[in-house]
Amino acid sequence: MTIIRGHVVDPQGRPVAEAAVYIVSAPVSMPDIAQLTDDQGQFAMSAPVPGHYTVGVRSDDWGLTQTDVEVSGEEPVDIEVRFTPLKE
């Protein structure tokens, strides 16, 4: 099992606390569970098998975004998820 570790930031690079992080797609069936980022915008989640994962993030302030990550082996994978500016 591998850990996907991440940092969620706003368009200016500031941490986004209490953003919901969840798996959108994975090479195997995954539970439909979200977790919240901490005060520094950090999270960690399990990736049970190698392959392609899509991680989704939802924030009340910044909307929705997602990013793709490739998991191989058992080494943790570090990602940054950056929101784009909201259109007015």
C-alpha atoms as a PDB file:
ATOM      1  CA  MET A   1       0.000   0.000   0.000  1.00  0.00           C
ATOM      2  CA  THR A   2       1.192   3.487  -0.882  1.00  0.00           C
ATOM      3  CA  ILE A   3       0.334   6.807   0.720  1.00  0.00           C
ATOM      4  CA  ILE A   4      -0.625   9.821  -1.385  1.00  0.00           C
ATOM      5  CA  ARG A   5       0.422  12.887   0.591  1.00  0.00           C
ATOM      6  CA  GLY A   6      -0.652  16.297  -0.508  1.00  0.00           C
ATOM      7  CA  HIS A   7      -0.825  19.986   0.084  1.00  0.00           C
ATOM      8  CA  VAL A   8      -3.845  22.010  -1.073  1.00  0.00           C
ATOM      9  CA  VAL A   9      -3.212  25.678  -1.861  1.00  0.00           C
ATOM     10  CA  ASP A  10      -5.154  28.637  -3.231  1.00  0.00           C
ATOM     11  CA  PRO A  11      -4.100  30.458  -6.437  1.00  0.00           C
ATOM     12  CA  GLN A  12      -1.559  32.520  -4.444  1.00  0.00           C
ATOM     13  CA  GLY A  13       0.016  29.414  -2.863  1.00  0.00           C
ATOM     14  CA  ARG A  14      -1.551  29.823   0.595  1.00  0.00           C
ATOM     15  CA  PRO A  15      -2.734  26.653   2.391  1.00  0.00           C
ATOM     16  CA  VAL A  16      -6.443  25.823   2.136  1.00  0.00           C
ATOM     17  CA  ALA A  17      -7.706  24.420   5.442  1.00  0.00           C
ATOM     18  CA  GLU A  18     -10.809  22.216   5.720  1.00  0.00           C
ATOM     19  CA  ALA A  19     -10.960  21.351   2.017  1.00  0.00           C
ATOM     20  CA  ALA A  20     -12.574  17.963   1.329  1.00  0.00           C
ATOM     21  CA  VAL A  21     -10.174  15.554  -0.409  1.00  0.00           C
ATOM     22  CA  TYR A  22     -11.425  12.345  -2.044  1.00  0.00           C
ATOM     23  CA  ILE A  23     -10.609   9.782  -4.744  1.00  0.00           C
ATOM     24  CA  VAL A  24     -12.492  10.422  -8.000  1.00  0.00           C
ATOM     25  CA  SER A  25     -11.115   7.389  -9.832  1.00  0.00           C
ATOM     26  CA  ALA A  26      -8.684   4.578  -9.062  1.00  0.00           C
ATOM     27  CA  PRO A  27      -7.574   1.258 -10.555  1.00  0.00           C
ATOM     28  CA  VAL A  28      -9.707  -0.547  -7.930  1.00  0.00           C
ATOM     29  CA  SER A  29     -12.985   0.184  -6.186  1.00  0.00           C
ATOM     30  CA  MET A  30     -12.501   2.755  -3.422  1.00  0.00           C
ATOM     31  CA  PRO A  31     -14.832   3.800  -0.574  1.00  0.00           C
ATOM     32  CA  ASP A  32     -16.719   7.036  -1.135  1.00  0.00           C
ATOM     33  CA  ILE A  33     -15.079   8.863   1.766  1.00  0.00           C
ATOM     34  CA  ALA A  34     -13.623  12.359   1.966  1.00  0.00           C
ATOM     35  CA  GLN A  35     -11.210  13.785   4.482  1.00  0.00           C
ATOM     36  CA  LEU A  36     -10.499  17.393   5.411  1.00  0.00           C
ATOM     37  CA  THR A  37      -7.169  19.134   5.044  1.00  0.00           C
ATOM     38  CA  ASP A  38      -5.505  20.378   8.218  1.00  0.00           C
ATOM     39  CA  ASP A  39      -4.662  24.024   9.018  1.00  0.00           C
ATOM     40  CA  GLN A  40      -1.637  23.797   6.689  1.00  0.00           C
ATOM     41  CA  GLY A  41      -3.703  22.386   3.803  1.00  0.00           C
ATOM     42  CA  GLN A  42      -2.142  18.934   4.176  1.00  0.00           C
ATOM     43  CA  PHE A  43      -3.705  15.496   3.771  1.00  0.00           C
ATOM     44  CA  ALA A  44      -2.681  11.845   3.396  1.00  0.00           C
ATOM     45  CA  MET A  45      -4.685   8.957   1.942  1.00  0.00           C
ATOM     46  CA  SER A  46      -4.089   5.313   1.105  1.00  0.00           C
ATOM     47  CA  ALA A  47      -3.599   4.045  -2.443  1.00  0.00           C
ATOM     48  CA  PRO A  48      -4.002   0.261  -2.139  1.00  0.00           C
ATOM     49  CA  VAL A  49      -2.505  -0.706  -5.526  1.00  0.00           C
ATOM     50  CA  PRO A  50      -0.204   0.889  -8.110  1.00  0.00           C
ATOM     51  CA  GLY A  51      -1.841   2.740 -10.973  1.00  0.00           C
ATOM     52  CA  HIS A  52      -3.550   5.953 -12.021  1.00  0.00           C
ATOM     53  CA  TYR A  53      -5.556   7.888  -9.419  1.00  0.00           C
ATOM     54  CA  THR A  54      -7.570  11.074  -9.766  1.00  0.00           C
ATOM     55  CA  VAL A  55      -7.779  13.085  -6.550  1.00  0.00           C
ATOM     56  CA  GLY A  56     -10.632  15.571  -6.176  1.00  0.00           C
ATOM     57  CA  VAL A  57     -10.702  18.550  -3.826  1.00  0.00           C
ATOM     58  CA  ARG A  58     -13.684  20.704  -2.845  1.00  0.00           C
ATOM     59  CA  SER A  59     -13.492  23.990  -0.941  1.00  0.00           C
ATOM     60  CA  ASP A  60     -16.308  26.323   0.065  1.00  0.00           C
ATOM     61  CA  ASP A  61     -14.072  29.279  -0.863  1.00  0.00           C
ATOM     62  CA  TRP A  62     -12.464  27.932  -4.062  1.00  0.00           C
ATOM     63  CA  GLY A  63     -14.892  25.438  -5.610  1.00  0.00           C
ATOM     64  CA  LEU A  64     -13.783  22.124  -7.143  1.00  0.00           C
ATOM     65  CA  THR A  65     -10.540  20.926  -8.679  1.00  0.00           C
ATOM     66  CA  GLN A  66      -8.816  17.643  -9.316  1.00  0.00           C
ATOM     67  CA  THR A  67      -5.397  16.292 -10.211  1.00  0.00           C
ATOM     68  CA  ASP A  68      -4.043  13.026 -11.568  1.00  0.00           C
ATOM     69  CA  VAL A  69      -1.309  11.027  -9.880  1.00  0.00           C
ATOM     70  CA  GLU A  70       0.567   7.858 -10.820  1.00  0.00           C
ATOM     71  CA  VAL A  71       1.315   5.486  -7.956  1.00  0.00           C
ATOM     72  CA  SER A  72       4.066   2.901  -8.385  1.00  0.00           C
ATOM     73  CA  GLY A  73       5.704   0.829  -5.704  1.00  0.00           C
ATOM     74  CA  GLU A  74       5.351   1.503  -2.014  1.00  0.00           C
ATOM     75  CA  GLU A  75       7.092   4.869  -1.697  1.00  0.00           C
ATOM     76  CA  PRO A  76       4.803   7.753  -0.666  1.00  0.00           C
ATOM     77  CA  VAL A  77       3.744  10.062  -3.492  1.00  0.00           C
ATOM     78  CA  ASP A  78       3.714  13.814  -2.791  1.00  0.00           C
ATOM     79  CA  ILE A  79       1.386  16.122  -4.736  1.00  0.00           C
ATOM     80  CA  GLU A  80       0.315  19.747  -4.664  1.00  0.00           C
ATOM     81  CA  VAL A  81      -3.256  20.628  -5.573  1.00  0.00           C
ATOM     82  CA  ARG A  82      -3.618  24.290  -6.555  1.00  0.00           C
ATOM     83  CA  PHE A  83      -6.972  25.946  -7.069  1.00  0.00           C
ATOM     84  CA  THR A  84      -7.364  28.327  -9.993  1.00  0.00           C
ATOM     85  CA  PRO A  85      -8.937  31.762  -9.468  1.00  0.00           C
ATOM     86  CA  LEU A  86     -12.729  31.787  -9.454  1.00  0.00           C
ATOM     87  CA  LYS A  87     -14.392  33.530 -12.370  1.00  0.00           C
ATOM     88  CA  GLU A  88     -16.536  36.474 -11.363  1.00  0.00           C
END
